Amino acid sequence: MKTDKKLQKLIDIMVKQSFDKTGKILNVSVRNYSETLTSLNRSLAIVALSDFSKKLKRELSKHTLFIEGATKFTPGQINTVKNALRADYKIAEVKVIVNPNLLGGTRIKIGDLVIEDSVVNKIEQISQAIRS
């Protein structure tokens, strides 16, 4: 079952109002909107809550900065990345991931932006160039 256009617009508004100006999620708003959607008839409520949840996750990913590297980052390195992206993105949360499989370098992701400067990526690019 699909939600109608009016309900979709309402869900979009609810999602936008679930975040403050800095991109942080407003838990009270999310809870209130979830309760409101739950009050719909059962089948429509399930679809509406599912849409609301998916859109919240998508919007949250726009404000979450992922910094991934083969070794642990210093607070200064993390702040350098945050400050470089802060002008163009609202960063509400930073998640730092240590991934030894990268071998070296860094992978940065926020929203749809991915900056890949890992050794694994460079090896893959060389491998594809050789195959071509």
Protein backbone atom coordinates (compact mmCIF):
# COMPACT_ATOMS: atom_id res chain seq x y z
CA MET A 1 0.00 0.00 0.00
CA LYS A 2 1.37 3.41 -0.97
CA THR A 3 0.77 6.62 0.89
CA ASP A 4 -1.04 9.41 -0.93
CA LYS A 5 0.67 12.64 -1.97
CA LYS A 6 -0.77 14.73 0.87
CA LEU A 7 0.50 12.26 3.45
CA GLN A 8 3.90 12.14 1.72
CA LYS A 9 4.15 15.94 1.91
CA LEU A 10 3.16 15.82 5.58
CA ILE A 11 5.82 13.18 6.28
CA ASP A 12 8.42 15.32 4.47
CA ILE A 13 7.50 18.28 6.68
CA MET A 14 7.66 16.08 9.79
CA VAL A 15 11.14 14.88 8.81
CA LYS A 16 12.41 18.44 8.26
CA GLN A 17 10.97 19.55 11.60
CA SER A 18 12.64 16.60 13.33
CA PHE A 19 16.05 18.31 13.04
CA ASP A 20 17.34 21.53 14.53
CA LYS A 21 19.29 24.16 12.58
CA THR A 22 22.59 22.37 13.23
CA GLY A 23 21.31 19.06 11.89
CA LYS A 24 20.81 17.36 15.25
CA ILE A 25 17.77 15.15 15.60
CA LEU A 26 15.03 16.34 17.94
CA ASN A 27 13.94 13.19 19.77
CA VAL A 28 10.79 14.74 21.23
CA SER A 29 9.58 15.77 17.77
CA VAL A 30 10.30 12.33 16.33
CA ARG A 31 8.37 10.69 19.18
CA ASN A 32 5.41 13.06 18.75
CA TYR A 33 5.29 12.59 14.98
CA SER A 34 5.55 8.82 15.37
CA GLU A 35 2.61 8.84 17.77
CA THR A 36 0.63 10.98 15.34
CA LEU A 37 1.30 8.57 12.46
CA THR A 38 0.43 5.62 14.70
CA SER A 39 -3.04 7.09 15.17
CA LEU A 40 -3.86 6.50 11.48
CA ASN A 41 -5.69 3.33 10.48
CA ARG A 42 -3.44 0.32 10.96
CA SER A 43 -2.36 -0.42 7.37
CA LEU A 44 -1.79 3.25 6.53
CA ALA A 45 0.06 3.79 9.83
CA ILE A 46 2.50 0.97 9.04
CA VAL A 47 3.31 2.40 5.61
CA ALA A 48 3.52 5.98 6.92
CA LEU A 49 5.80 5.01 9.83
CA SER A 50 8.01 3.05 7.45
CA ASP A 51 8.31 6.04 5.10
CA PHE A 52 8.94 8.39 8.03
CA SER A 53 11.67 6.10 9.37
CA LYS A 54 13.41 5.74 5.98
CA LYS A 55 13.35 9.48 5.38
CA LEU A 56 14.65 10.20 8.88
CA LYS A 57 17.58 7.82 8.31
CA ARG A 58 18.32 9.42 4.94
CA GLU A 59 18.24 12.91 6.44
CA LEU A 60 20.36 11.83 9.41
CA SER A 61 23.01 10.44 7.07
CA LYS A 62 23.28 13.92 5.50
CA HIS A 63 24.43 15.24 8.88
CA THR A 64 26.68 12.36 9.95
CA LEU A 65 30.34 12.55 9.02
CA PHE A 66 32.07 9.18 8.67
CA ILE A 67 35.86 9.23 8.79
CA GLU A 68 37.41 5.86 8.05
CA GLY A 69 41.08 4.99 8.13
CA ALA A 70 43.48 2.11 8.60
CA THR A 71 44.69 3.54 11.92
CA LYS A 72 43.25 5.62 14.73
CA PHE A 73 42.85 9.37 14.07
CA THR A 74 43.98 12.09 16.46
CA PRO A 75 41.44 14.67 17.65
CA GLY A 76 43.32 17.26 15.59
CA GLN A 77 42.94 15.22 12.39
CA ILE A 78 39.23 14.74 13.07
CA ASN A 79 38.77 18.48 13.65
CA THR A 80 40.67 19.30 10.45
CA VAL A 81 38.27 17.14 8.41
CA LYS A 82 35.22 18.55 10.25
CA ASN A 83 36.31 22.14 9.74
CA ALA A 84 37.03 21.59 6.05
CA LEU A 85 33.50 20.29 5.47
CA ARG A 86 31.60 22.48 7.94
CA ALA A 87 31.12 25.33 5.44
CA ASP A 88 29.16 23.11 3.05
CA TYR A 89 27.55 20.57 5.41
CA LYS A 90 25.72 20.61 8.72
CA ILE A 91 27.65 18.10 10.79
CA ALA A 92 25.66 16.87 13.79
CA GLU A 93 27.64 13.72 14.48
CA VAL A 94 31.07 12.34 13.66
CA LYS A 95 31.73 8.61 13.48
CA VAL A 96 35.33 7.49 13.29
CA ILE A 97 35.96 3.99 11.99
CA VAL A 98 39.26 2.12 12.09
CA ASN A 99 39.37 -0.29 9.12
CA PRO A 100 42.72 -2.05 8.69
CA ASN A 101 41.50 -3.38 5.32
CA LEU A 102 42.08 0.10 3.84
CA LEU A 103 45.84 -0.53 4.32
CA GLY A 104 46.41 3.23 4.53
CA GLY A 105 44.80 6.52 3.62
CA THR A 106 41.32 7.75 4.40
CA ARG A 107 37.69 7.39 3.30
CA ILE A 108 35.37 10.28 4.20
CA LYS A 109 31.59 10.21 3.74
CA ILE A 110 28.85 12.68 4.52
CA GLY A 111 25.50 12.47 2.76
CA ASP A 112 26.17 11.67 -0.90
CA LEU A 113 29.76 12.93 -0.80
CA VAL A 114 32.47 10.26 -0.66
CA ILE A 115 36.15 11.17 -0.67
CA GLU A 116 38.23 8.05 -1.20
CA ASP A 117 41.98 8.32 -0.71
CA SER A 118 42.79 4.84 0.55
CA VAL A 119 45.57 2.54 -0.58
CA VAL A 120 42.99 -0.14 -1.40
CA ASN A 121 41.19 2.29 -3.73
CA LYS A 122 44.42 3.26 -5.46
CA ILE A 123 45.33 -0.42 -5.97
CA GLU A 124 41.87 -1.03 -7.45
CA GLN A 125 42.26 1.93 -9.83
CA ILE A 126 45.65 0.64 -11.02
CA SER A 127 44.22 -2.84 -11.44
CA GLN A 128 41.35 -1.52 -13.57
CA ALA A 129 43.75 0.56 -15.67
CA ILE A 130 45.87 -2.52 -16.35
CA ARG A 131 42.79 -4.54 -17.38
CA SER A 132 41.59 -1.85 -19.82
